[in-house]
Structures are given as structure tokens and as C-alpha cells.
N, C-alpha and C. Protein backbone atom coordinates (compact mmCIF):
# COMPACT_ATOMS: atom_id res chain seq x y z
N MET A 1 10.14 -13.62 96.04
CA MET A 1 9.01 -13.15 95.32
C MET A 1 9.26 -13.32 93.82
N THR A 2 8.30 -13.90 93.15
CA THR A 2 8.46 -14.13 91.73
C THR A 2 7.71 -13.06 90.94
N ARG A 3 8.32 -12.68 89.90
CA ARG A 3 7.69 -11.68 89.02
C ARG A 3 7.24 -12.37 87.75
N ASN A 4 5.98 -12.16 87.40
CA ASN A 4 5.44 -12.72 86.16
C ASN A 4 5.64 -11.70 85.04
N LYS A 5 6.12 -12.22 83.94
CA LYS A 5 6.30 -11.34 82.79
C LYS A 5 4.98 -11.21 82.04
N GLY A 6 4.68 -10.04 81.52
CA GLY A 6 3.45 -9.82 80.77
C GLY A 6 3.01 -8.37 80.84
N PHE A 7 1.85 -8.12 80.25
CA PHE A 7 1.31 -6.77 80.22
C PHE A 7 0.22 -6.63 81.27
N THR A 8 0.12 -5.45 81.80
CA THR A 8 -0.95 -5.19 82.76
C THR A 8 -2.23 -4.85 82.01
N LEU A 9 -3.33 -4.91 82.69
CA LEU A 9 -4.63 -4.60 82.09
C LEU A 9 -4.66 -3.17 81.57
N ILE A 10 -4.07 -2.26 82.29
CA ILE A 10 -4.03 -0.85 81.88
C ILE A 10 -3.27 -0.71 80.56
N GLU A 11 -2.14 -1.37 80.44
CA GLU A 11 -1.35 -1.28 79.21
C GLU A 11 -2.14 -1.83 78.02
N LEU A 12 -2.82 -2.94 78.21
CA LEU A 12 -3.62 -3.51 77.13
C LEU A 12 -4.76 -2.58 76.72
N LEU A 13 -5.44 -1.98 77.66
CA LEU A 13 -6.54 -1.06 77.35
C LEU A 13 -6.05 0.18 76.62
N VAL A 14 -4.89 0.69 76.99
CA VAL A 14 -4.33 1.85 76.31
C VAL A 14 -4.00 1.51 74.85
N VAL A 15 -3.40 0.37 74.61
CA VAL A 15 -3.05 -0.04 73.25
C VAL A 15 -4.32 -0.25 72.42
N ILE A 16 -5.32 -0.92 72.96
CA ILE A 16 -6.57 -1.14 72.24
C ILE A 16 -7.25 0.20 71.94
N GLY A 17 -7.22 1.13 72.87
CA GLY A 17 -7.79 2.46 72.64
C GLY A 17 -7.08 3.20 71.52
N ILE A 18 -5.75 3.13 71.49
CA ILE A 18 -4.98 3.80 70.42
C ILE A 18 -5.30 3.17 69.07
N ILE A 19 -5.37 1.85 69.01
CA ILE A 19 -5.71 1.17 67.75
C ILE A 19 -7.11 1.58 67.29
N GLY A 20 -8.06 1.67 68.20
CA GLY A 20 -9.42 2.09 67.85
C GLY A 20 -9.46 3.50 67.30
N ILE A 21 -8.72 4.41 67.91
CA ILE A 21 -8.68 5.80 67.42
C ILE A 21 -8.06 5.86 66.04
N LEU A 22 -6.97 5.14 65.81
CA LEU A 22 -6.32 5.12 64.49
C LEU A 22 -7.26 4.53 63.43
N ALA A 23 -7.99 3.47 63.77
CA ALA A 23 -8.92 2.87 62.82
C ALA A 23 -10.03 3.85 62.45
N ALA A 24 -10.55 4.58 63.43
CA ALA A 24 -11.60 5.57 63.15
C ALA A 24 -11.09 6.67 62.24
N VAL A 25 -9.87 7.13 62.46
CA VAL A 25 -9.28 8.18 61.62
C VAL A 25 -9.09 7.68 60.19
N VAL A 26 -8.61 6.45 60.02
CA VAL A 26 -8.40 5.90 58.68
C VAL A 26 -9.73 5.74 57.96
N ILE A 27 -10.75 5.23 58.61
CA ILE A 27 -12.06 5.05 57.97
C ILE A 27 -12.64 6.40 57.57
N ALA A 28 -12.49 7.39 58.41
CA ALA A 28 -13.00 8.73 58.09
C ALA A 28 -12.23 9.33 56.91
N ALA A 29 -10.93 9.07 56.84
CA ALA A 29 -10.12 9.63 55.76
C ALA A 29 -10.43 8.95 54.43
N VAL A 30 -10.69 7.65 54.46
CA VAL A 30 -10.96 6.91 53.23
C VAL A 30 -12.35 7.25 52.70
N ASN A 31 -13.33 7.48 53.58
CA ASN A 31 -14.69 7.85 53.20
C ASN A 31 -15.27 6.88 52.17
N PRO A 32 -15.66 5.70 52.59
CA PRO A 32 -16.14 4.69 51.65
C PRO A 32 -17.38 5.13 50.86
N GLY A 33 -18.24 5.94 51.45
CA GLY A 33 -19.42 6.41 50.71
C GLY A 33 -19.02 7.21 49.48
N ARG A 34 -18.03 8.07 49.64
CA ARG A 34 -17.54 8.86 48.51
C ARG A 34 -16.85 7.98 47.47
N GLN A 35 -16.10 7.00 47.93
CA GLN A 35 -15.42 6.09 47.01
C GLN A 35 -16.43 5.32 46.16
N PHE A 36 -17.51 4.84 46.78
CA PHE A 36 -18.54 4.13 46.03
C PHE A 36 -19.24 5.06 45.04
N ALA A 37 -19.51 6.29 45.43
CA ALA A 37 -20.14 7.26 44.53
C ALA A 37 -19.24 7.55 43.34
N GLU A 38 -17.94 7.69 43.57
CA GLU A 38 -17.00 7.92 42.47
C GLU A 38 -16.94 6.71 41.54
N ALA A 39 -17.02 5.51 42.10
CA ALA A 39 -17.02 4.30 41.28
C ALA A 39 -18.28 4.25 40.40
N ARG A 40 -19.43 4.61 40.96
CA ARG A 40 -20.66 4.64 40.16
C ARG A 40 -20.58 5.71 39.07
N ASN A 41 -19.98 6.86 39.36
CA ASN A 41 -19.80 7.89 38.33
C ASN A 41 -18.88 7.40 37.22
N THR A 42 -17.85 6.65 37.57
CA THR A 42 -16.96 6.08 36.55
C THR A 42 -17.74 5.11 35.67
N GLN A 43 -18.61 4.31 36.26
CA GLN A 43 -19.44 3.38 35.49
C GLN A 43 -20.38 4.16 34.57
N ARG A 44 -20.94 5.25 35.04
CA ARG A 44 -21.83 6.08 34.21
C ARG A 44 -21.07 6.61 33.00
N ARG A 45 -19.86 7.10 33.23
CA ARG A 45 -19.05 7.64 32.14
C ARG A 45 -18.76 6.55 31.10
N ALA A 46 -18.40 5.36 31.56
CA ALA A 46 -18.13 4.24 30.65
C ALA A 46 -19.40 3.86 29.87
N ASP A 47 -20.55 3.88 30.53
CA ASP A 47 -21.81 3.57 29.86
C ASP A 47 -22.11 4.56 28.74
N LEU A 48 -21.87 5.84 28.99
CA LEU A 48 -22.15 6.86 27.97
C LEU A 48 -21.22 6.70 26.78
N TYR A 49 -19.95 6.35 27.03
CA TYR A 49 -19.04 6.08 25.92
C TYR A 49 -19.51 4.86 25.12
N GLN A 50 -19.99 3.82 25.82
CA GLN A 50 -20.50 2.64 25.14
C GLN A 50 -21.70 3.01 24.26
N LEU A 51 -22.60 3.83 24.78
CA LEU A 51 -23.77 4.25 24.00
C LEU A 51 -23.37 5.00 22.74
N THR A 52 -22.55 6.02 22.91
CA THR A 52 -22.18 6.83 21.74
C THR A 52 -21.33 6.04 20.75
N ASN A 53 -20.45 5.19 21.23
CA ASN A 53 -19.64 4.38 20.32
C ASN A 53 -20.51 3.41 19.53
N GLY A 54 -21.47 2.77 20.18
CA GLY A 54 -22.36 1.85 19.49
C GLY A 54 -23.20 2.55 18.42
N ILE A 55 -23.69 3.73 18.75
CA ILE A 55 -24.50 4.50 17.79
C ILE A 55 -23.65 4.93 16.60
N TYR A 56 -22.44 5.38 16.85
CA TYR A 56 -21.59 5.81 15.75
C TYR A 56 -21.10 4.64 14.91
N GLN A 57 -20.88 3.50 15.53
CA GLN A 57 -20.51 2.32 14.74
C GLN A 57 -21.67 1.92 13.83
N PHE A 58 -22.90 1.97 14.36
CA PHE A 58 -24.08 1.69 13.55
C PHE A 58 -24.14 2.66 12.38
N ALA A 59 -23.98 3.96 12.66
CA ALA A 59 -24.06 4.97 11.60
C ALA A 59 -22.97 4.77 10.56
N ALA A 60 -21.77 4.41 11.00
CA ALA A 60 -20.66 4.20 10.05
C ALA A 60 -20.96 3.06 9.09
N GLU A 61 -21.65 2.05 9.55
CA GLU A 61 -21.95 0.90 8.71
C GLU A 61 -23.27 1.04 7.95
N HIS A 62 -24.00 2.13 8.18
CA HIS A 62 -25.29 2.32 7.52
C HIS A 62 -25.38 3.70 6.86
N ASN A 63 -24.36 4.06 6.12
CA ASN A 63 -24.33 5.30 5.33
C ASN A 63 -24.63 6.55 6.14
N GLY A 64 -24.20 6.59 7.38
CA GLY A 64 -24.40 7.76 8.22
C GLY A 64 -25.77 7.86 8.85
N ASN A 65 -26.63 6.88 8.61
CA ASN A 65 -27.98 6.90 9.19
C ASN A 65 -27.94 6.47 10.65
N LEU A 66 -28.62 7.22 11.49
CA LEU A 66 -28.70 6.88 12.91
C LEU A 66 -29.79 5.85 13.13
N PRO A 67 -29.67 5.04 14.18
CA PRO A 67 -30.71 4.04 14.43
C PRO A 67 -32.01 4.71 14.87
N GLY A 68 -33.08 4.31 14.26
CA GLY A 68 -34.39 4.83 14.62
C GLY A 68 -35.32 3.69 14.96
N THR A 69 -36.49 4.01 15.45
CA THR A 69 -37.46 2.97 15.80
C THR A 69 -38.68 2.99 14.89
N ASP A 70 -38.67 3.86 13.88
CA ASP A 70 -39.85 3.97 13.01
C ASP A 70 -39.64 3.36 11.64
N ASP A 71 -38.48 2.72 11.39
CA ASP A 71 -38.18 2.07 10.11
C ASP A 71 -38.24 3.06 8.94
N THR A 72 -37.89 4.30 9.21
CA THR A 72 -37.87 5.33 8.17
C THR A 72 -36.56 6.09 8.26
N VAL A 73 -35.77 6.03 7.20
CA VAL A 73 -34.50 6.74 7.20
C VAL A 73 -34.68 8.19 6.78
N LEU A 74 -35.63 8.45 5.89
CA LEU A 74 -35.80 9.81 5.39
C LEU A 74 -36.22 10.77 6.49
N ILE A 75 -37.01 10.29 7.44
CA ILE A 75 -37.43 11.12 8.57
C ILE A 75 -37.09 10.34 9.84
N PRO A 76 -35.82 10.35 10.24
CA PRO A 76 -35.44 9.56 11.40
C PRO A 76 -36.09 10.10 12.67
N ASN A 77 -36.37 9.20 13.59
CA ASN A 77 -36.98 9.63 14.84
C ASN A 77 -35.98 9.62 16.00
N PHE A 78 -34.70 9.73 15.68
CA PHE A 78 -33.71 9.83 16.75
C PHE A 78 -34.00 11.11 17.51
N PRO A 79 -33.99 11.08 18.83
CA PRO A 79 -34.47 12.23 19.62
C PRO A 79 -33.70 13.53 19.35
N PRO A 80 -34.41 14.63 19.04
CA PRO A 80 -33.77 15.93 18.84
C PRO A 80 -33.59 16.70 20.15
N ALA A 81 -34.16 16.21 21.23
CA ALA A 81 -34.02 16.84 22.54
C ALA A 81 -33.72 15.74 23.55
N ALA A 82 -33.16 16.12 24.68
CA ALA A 82 -32.78 15.13 25.70
C ALA A 82 -33.96 14.23 26.04
N THR A 83 -33.81 12.94 25.76
CA THR A 83 -34.86 11.96 25.96
C THR A 83 -34.28 10.75 26.67
N CYS A 84 -35.03 10.19 27.60
CA CYS A 84 -34.53 9.02 28.32
C CYS A 84 -34.42 7.83 27.37
N ILE A 85 -33.54 6.90 27.72
CA ILE A 85 -33.34 5.68 26.94
C ILE A 85 -33.97 4.54 27.72
N GLY A 86 -34.68 3.66 27.04
CA GLY A 86 -35.26 2.50 27.71
C GLY A 86 -36.41 1.93 26.91
N THR A 87 -37.07 0.94 27.48
CA THR A 87 -38.17 0.29 26.78
C THR A 87 -39.53 0.87 27.15
N LEU A 88 -39.56 1.81 28.12
CA LEU A 88 -40.83 2.44 28.50
C LEU A 88 -41.12 3.58 27.54
N THR A 89 -41.68 3.23 26.38
CA THR A 89 -41.88 4.22 25.33
C THR A 89 -43.17 5.00 25.49
N GLY A 90 -44.08 4.53 26.30
CA GLY A 90 -45.34 5.24 26.52
C GLY A 90 -45.25 6.19 27.69
N ALA A 91 -46.35 6.93 27.91
CA ALA A 91 -46.39 7.87 29.03
C ALA A 91 -46.28 7.09 30.33
N PRO A 92 -45.73 7.62 31.38
CA PRO A 92 -45.19 8.97 31.51
C PRO A 92 -43.73 9.09 31.11
N ASP A 93 -43.06 7.96 30.84
CA ASP A 93 -41.62 8.02 30.58
C ASP A 93 -41.29 8.51 29.17
N ASN A 94 -41.98 7.98 28.16
CA ASN A 94 -41.72 8.34 26.76
C ASN A 94 -40.25 8.21 26.40
N CYS A 95 -39.65 7.08 26.77
CA CYS A 95 -38.24 6.84 26.48
C CYS A 95 -38.05 6.41 25.03
N PHE A 96 -36.85 6.63 24.52
CA PHE A 96 -36.45 6.18 23.19
C PHE A 96 -35.93 4.76 23.35
N ASN A 97 -36.56 3.80 22.68
CA ASN A 97 -36.19 2.39 22.82
C ASN A 97 -34.97 2.09 21.95
N LEU A 98 -33.80 2.45 22.46
CA LEU A 98 -32.57 2.26 21.70
C LEU A 98 -32.29 0.79 21.46
N GLY A 99 -32.71 -0.08 22.37
CA GLY A 99 -32.47 -1.51 22.20
C GLY A 99 -33.15 -2.09 20.98
N ALA A 100 -34.26 -1.51 20.54
CA ALA A 100 -34.98 -2.00 19.37
C ALA A 100 -34.73 -1.13 18.14
N ALA A 101 -33.90 -0.10 18.28
CA ALA A 101 -33.67 0.82 17.17
C ALA A 101 -32.71 0.21 16.16
N GLY A 102 -32.91 0.56 14.90
CA GLY A 102 -32.00 0.12 13.86
C GLY A 102 -32.72 -0.17 12.56
N ASP A 103 -32.08 0.14 11.43
CA ASP A 103 -32.63 -0.12 10.11
C ASP A 103 -31.48 -0.54 9.22
N VAL A 104 -31.61 -1.68 8.57
CA VAL A 104 -30.51 -2.22 7.77
C VAL A 104 -30.38 -1.53 6.42
N ASP A 105 -31.47 -1.43 5.69
CA ASP A 105 -31.36 -1.03 4.29
C ASP A 105 -31.87 0.36 3.98
N GLY A 106 -32.36 1.11 4.95
CA GLY A 106 -32.82 2.46 4.68
C GLY A 106 -34.19 2.52 4.03
N GLN A 107 -34.85 1.41 3.91
CA GLN A 107 -36.17 1.36 3.31
C GLN A 107 -37.21 1.12 4.40
N SER A 108 -38.42 1.55 4.15
CA SER A 108 -39.51 1.33 5.11
C SER A 108 -40.15 -0.03 4.83
N ASP A 109 -39.37 -1.09 5.00
CA ASP A 109 -39.85 -2.42 4.66
C ASP A 109 -39.84 -3.39 5.83
N GLY A 110 -39.56 -2.90 7.01
CA GLY A 110 -39.56 -3.76 8.18
C GLY A 110 -38.29 -4.56 8.38
N VAL A 111 -37.31 -4.43 7.48
CA VAL A 111 -36.04 -5.15 7.63
C VAL A 111 -35.15 -4.31 8.54
N THR A 112 -34.93 -4.81 9.73
CA THR A 112 -34.15 -4.04 10.69
C THR A 112 -32.99 -4.86 11.25
N GLU A 113 -32.01 -4.16 11.74
CA GLU A 113 -30.89 -4.76 12.46
C GLU A 113 -30.77 -3.97 13.75
N PRO A 114 -31.35 -4.46 14.82
CA PRO A 114 -31.32 -3.70 16.07
C PRO A 114 -29.89 -3.43 16.53
N ILE A 115 -29.70 -2.29 17.14
CA ILE A 115 -28.38 -1.89 17.62
C ILE A 115 -27.89 -2.85 18.71
N VAL A 116 -28.84 -3.45 19.44
CA VAL A 116 -28.51 -4.48 20.43
C VAL A 116 -28.93 -5.81 19.85
N PRO A 117 -28.13 -6.82 19.75
CA PRO A 117 -26.80 -7.02 20.31
C PRO A 117 -25.66 -6.80 19.33
N THR A 118 -25.95 -6.30 18.12
CA THR A 118 -24.90 -6.18 17.11
C THR A 118 -23.84 -5.16 17.48
N TYR A 119 -24.23 -4.00 17.98
CA TYR A 119 -23.27 -2.92 18.23
C TYR A 119 -22.99 -2.68 19.71
N MET A 120 -23.81 -3.22 20.57
CA MET A 120 -23.54 -3.21 22.01
C MET A 120 -24.28 -4.41 22.61
N ALA A 121 -23.70 -5.00 23.63
CA ALA A 121 -24.27 -6.21 24.21
C ALA A 121 -25.66 -5.96 24.79
N ALA A 122 -25.84 -4.83 25.42
CA ALA A 122 -27.12 -4.46 26.01
C ALA A 122 -27.11 -2.95 26.21
N VAL A 123 -28.28 -2.38 26.31
CA VAL A 123 -28.35 -0.94 26.61
C VAL A 123 -27.98 -0.78 28.08
N PRO A 124 -26.91 -0.05 28.36
CA PRO A 124 -26.50 0.11 29.76
C PRO A 124 -27.47 1.01 30.52
N TYR A 125 -27.52 0.83 31.83
CA TYR A 125 -28.38 1.69 32.64
C TYR A 125 -27.66 2.12 33.90
N ASP A 126 -28.13 3.22 34.46
CA ASP A 126 -27.50 3.85 35.62
C ASP A 126 -27.35 2.84 36.76
N PRO A 127 -26.15 2.76 37.37
CA PRO A 127 -25.93 1.76 38.41
C PRO A 127 -26.74 1.99 39.69
N SER A 128 -27.25 3.18 39.90
CA SER A 128 -28.02 3.44 41.12
C SER A 128 -29.52 3.40 40.90
N VAL A 129 -30.00 4.08 39.88
CA VAL A 129 -31.44 4.26 39.73
C VAL A 129 -32.00 3.77 38.41
N GLY A 130 -31.17 3.29 37.52
CA GLY A 130 -31.63 2.88 36.20
C GLY A 130 -32.23 1.49 36.18
N SER A 131 -32.94 1.20 35.09
CA SER A 131 -33.52 -0.12 34.86
C SER A 131 -33.61 -0.32 33.36
N LEU A 132 -34.00 -1.52 32.94
CA LEU A 132 -34.15 -1.75 31.51
C LEU A 132 -35.24 -0.86 30.92
N GLY A 133 -36.27 -0.58 31.70
CA GLY A 133 -37.36 0.26 31.21
C GLY A 133 -36.95 1.70 31.03
N ASN A 134 -36.19 2.23 31.97
CA ASN A 134 -35.70 3.60 31.90
C ASN A 134 -34.27 3.59 32.42
N ALA A 135 -33.32 3.73 31.50
CA ALA A 135 -31.90 3.63 31.85
C ALA A 135 -31.42 4.78 32.72
N SER A 136 -32.21 5.82 32.83
CA SER A 136 -31.84 7.05 33.56
C SER A 136 -30.66 7.76 32.90
N TYR A 137 -30.45 7.50 31.62
CA TYR A 137 -29.53 8.27 30.80
C TYR A 137 -30.37 8.97 29.74
N THR A 138 -29.90 10.12 29.28
CA THR A 138 -30.60 10.81 28.20
C THR A 138 -29.69 10.89 26.99
N ILE A 139 -30.31 11.01 25.83
CA ILE A 139 -29.54 11.09 24.59
C ILE A 139 -30.31 11.97 23.61
N PHE A 140 -29.57 12.68 22.76
CA PHE A 140 -30.23 13.46 21.72
C PHE A 140 -29.24 13.80 20.61
N LEU A 141 -29.79 14.14 19.46
CA LEU A 141 -29.02 14.57 18.30
C LEU A 141 -29.17 16.07 18.15
N ASP A 142 -28.05 16.78 18.16
CA ASP A 142 -28.06 18.22 17.93
C ASP A 142 -28.10 18.43 16.42
N ALA A 143 -29.23 18.86 15.91
CA ALA A 143 -29.41 19.01 14.46
C ALA A 143 -28.45 20.03 13.86
N ALA A 144 -28.07 21.04 14.62
CA ALA A 144 -27.18 22.08 14.10
C ALA A 144 -25.77 21.55 13.87
N THR A 145 -25.30 20.70 14.76
CA THR A 145 -23.92 20.20 14.64
C THR A 145 -23.85 18.77 14.14
N GLY A 146 -24.96 18.04 14.21
CA GLY A 146 -24.96 16.65 13.81
C GLY A 146 -24.29 15.74 14.82
N ARG A 147 -24.10 16.24 16.03
CA ARG A 147 -23.42 15.47 17.06
C ARG A 147 -24.43 14.88 18.05
N ILE A 148 -24.08 13.73 18.58
CA ILE A 148 -24.93 13.07 19.57
C ILE A 148 -24.39 13.37 20.95
N THR A 149 -25.28 13.69 21.87
CA THR A 149 -24.90 13.93 23.26
C THR A 149 -25.66 12.96 24.15
N ALA A 150 -24.91 12.30 25.02
CA ALA A 150 -25.50 11.40 26.02
C ALA A 150 -25.16 11.97 27.39
N ASP A 151 -26.14 12.01 28.27
CA ASP A 151 -25.96 12.57 29.61
C ASP A 151 -26.37 11.56 30.68
N ALA A 152 -25.78 11.74 31.87
CA ALA A 152 -26.16 10.94 33.04
C ALA A 152 -26.68 11.90 34.10
N PRO A 153 -27.98 12.21 34.06
CA PRO A 153 -28.52 13.18 35.03
C PRO A 153 -28.47 12.70 36.47
N GLY A 154 -28.29 11.40 36.71
CA GLY A 154 -28.25 10.88 38.07
C GLY A 154 -26.86 10.85 38.67
N ALA A 155 -25.91 11.57 38.08
CA ALA A 155 -24.53 11.57 38.59
C ALA A 155 -24.50 12.06 40.03
N GLU A 156 -23.59 11.49 40.79
CA GLU A 156 -23.47 11.83 42.20
C GLU A 156 -22.32 12.80 42.43
N LEU A 157 -22.26 13.34 43.63
CA LEU A 157 -21.21 14.26 44.07
C LEU A 157 -21.18 15.53 43.22
N SER A 158 -22.33 15.96 42.73
CA SER A 158 -22.47 17.16 41.91
C SER A 158 -21.66 17.10 40.62
N ALA A 159 -21.37 15.89 40.16
CA ALA A 159 -20.61 15.72 38.91
C ALA A 159 -21.54 15.92 37.72
N VAL A 160 -20.99 16.46 36.64
CA VAL A 160 -21.70 16.59 35.38
C VAL A 160 -21.05 15.60 34.42
N ILE A 161 -21.81 14.57 34.05
CA ILE A 161 -21.26 13.53 33.19
C ILE A 161 -22.01 13.59 31.86
N SER A 162 -21.28 13.92 30.81
CA SER A 162 -21.85 14.08 29.48
C SER A 162 -20.81 13.69 28.45
N VAL A 163 -21.25 13.01 27.40
CA VAL A 163 -20.36 12.63 26.31
C VAL A 163 -20.98 13.11 25.01
N THR A 164 -20.22 13.85 24.22
CA THR A 164 -20.69 14.34 22.93
C THR A 164 -19.75 13.81 21.86
N ARG A 165 -20.35 13.23 20.82
CA ARG A 165 -19.55 12.71 19.70
C ARG A 165 -20.18 13.17 18.42
């Protein structure tokens, strides 16, 4: 009688079952949905730093004046309350068009230097729900402290993402 070397069907099924159980445990432990949400939150945080850095670089090169869209330095229209950023400046969004904001000489003469592309390549927008029209980020100037705050209200995992400079 000859004996064939090899595995029986039962042994193969047991090994495949164990590998399947281990794979399910690893996938559940890694939780890819949470990992992607954390990656999007990291992108939001980087976007807010880019926004505030670009605005402060503009202000540093323009005698402390913040970029506005009304070509008036004496009465700047930089938002005093949390306002969305984007090109949808009319109702219902009423966003602050940061991409077109900027004034070179502080005079109401139409000579402007937009903040985009000089101080940032483009106005960043939320990786999940933002668009060029409404970035889904908010920004405002606190008149009492003179500091700018940018927020990401669409943050995931109950995170609060805010940058104040």
C-alpha cells in the first residue's frame, strides 16, 4: 500500500478558516473608516494653517492691513464673525471671497494684489464637503484681540479643528 504525502481536505479547510478569522480581526482593529476620517482631519488642519499663514504674510507685507474685497483699507471688510470662505458671495451662502481679496497700496483706486496666487496657491477647501464656491471653512477677525481664527466645522470624529493666529 502506498501512502501519498499531502494535506487532507479537512486540514486545508481548518487553515483557511483560521486565516479568514485572523484577517477579519486585523481589518476590524485597523478600522479603515476611522483612518480615512483622521487623514481628512489632518488635511483640514493643514488647510487652516495655510489660510492663516497666507493672510498673515499678506498683512506683514502690507503694513498690517488684512486682505479685503472692497478695495478700502480704512474700513476693511474682513469678516468680524465666523463667515464661510469661497466665491459664493451672494445669498444664501454669503461667503467671503478670499481668493479675490487683497489691496496693494491701501488706496481705493482699484489696484489690488489678490492673496491667491501670491500668498497661497489656491484657497483650500474641505476634503469631504467643500468646493471652490464654499470651502466649508470659516474665518473671522476678533476685533478685541486682533487675531484671526479659522475653523473647520465639517471635522469628523467629533474633532474640533480651529487655528488662531
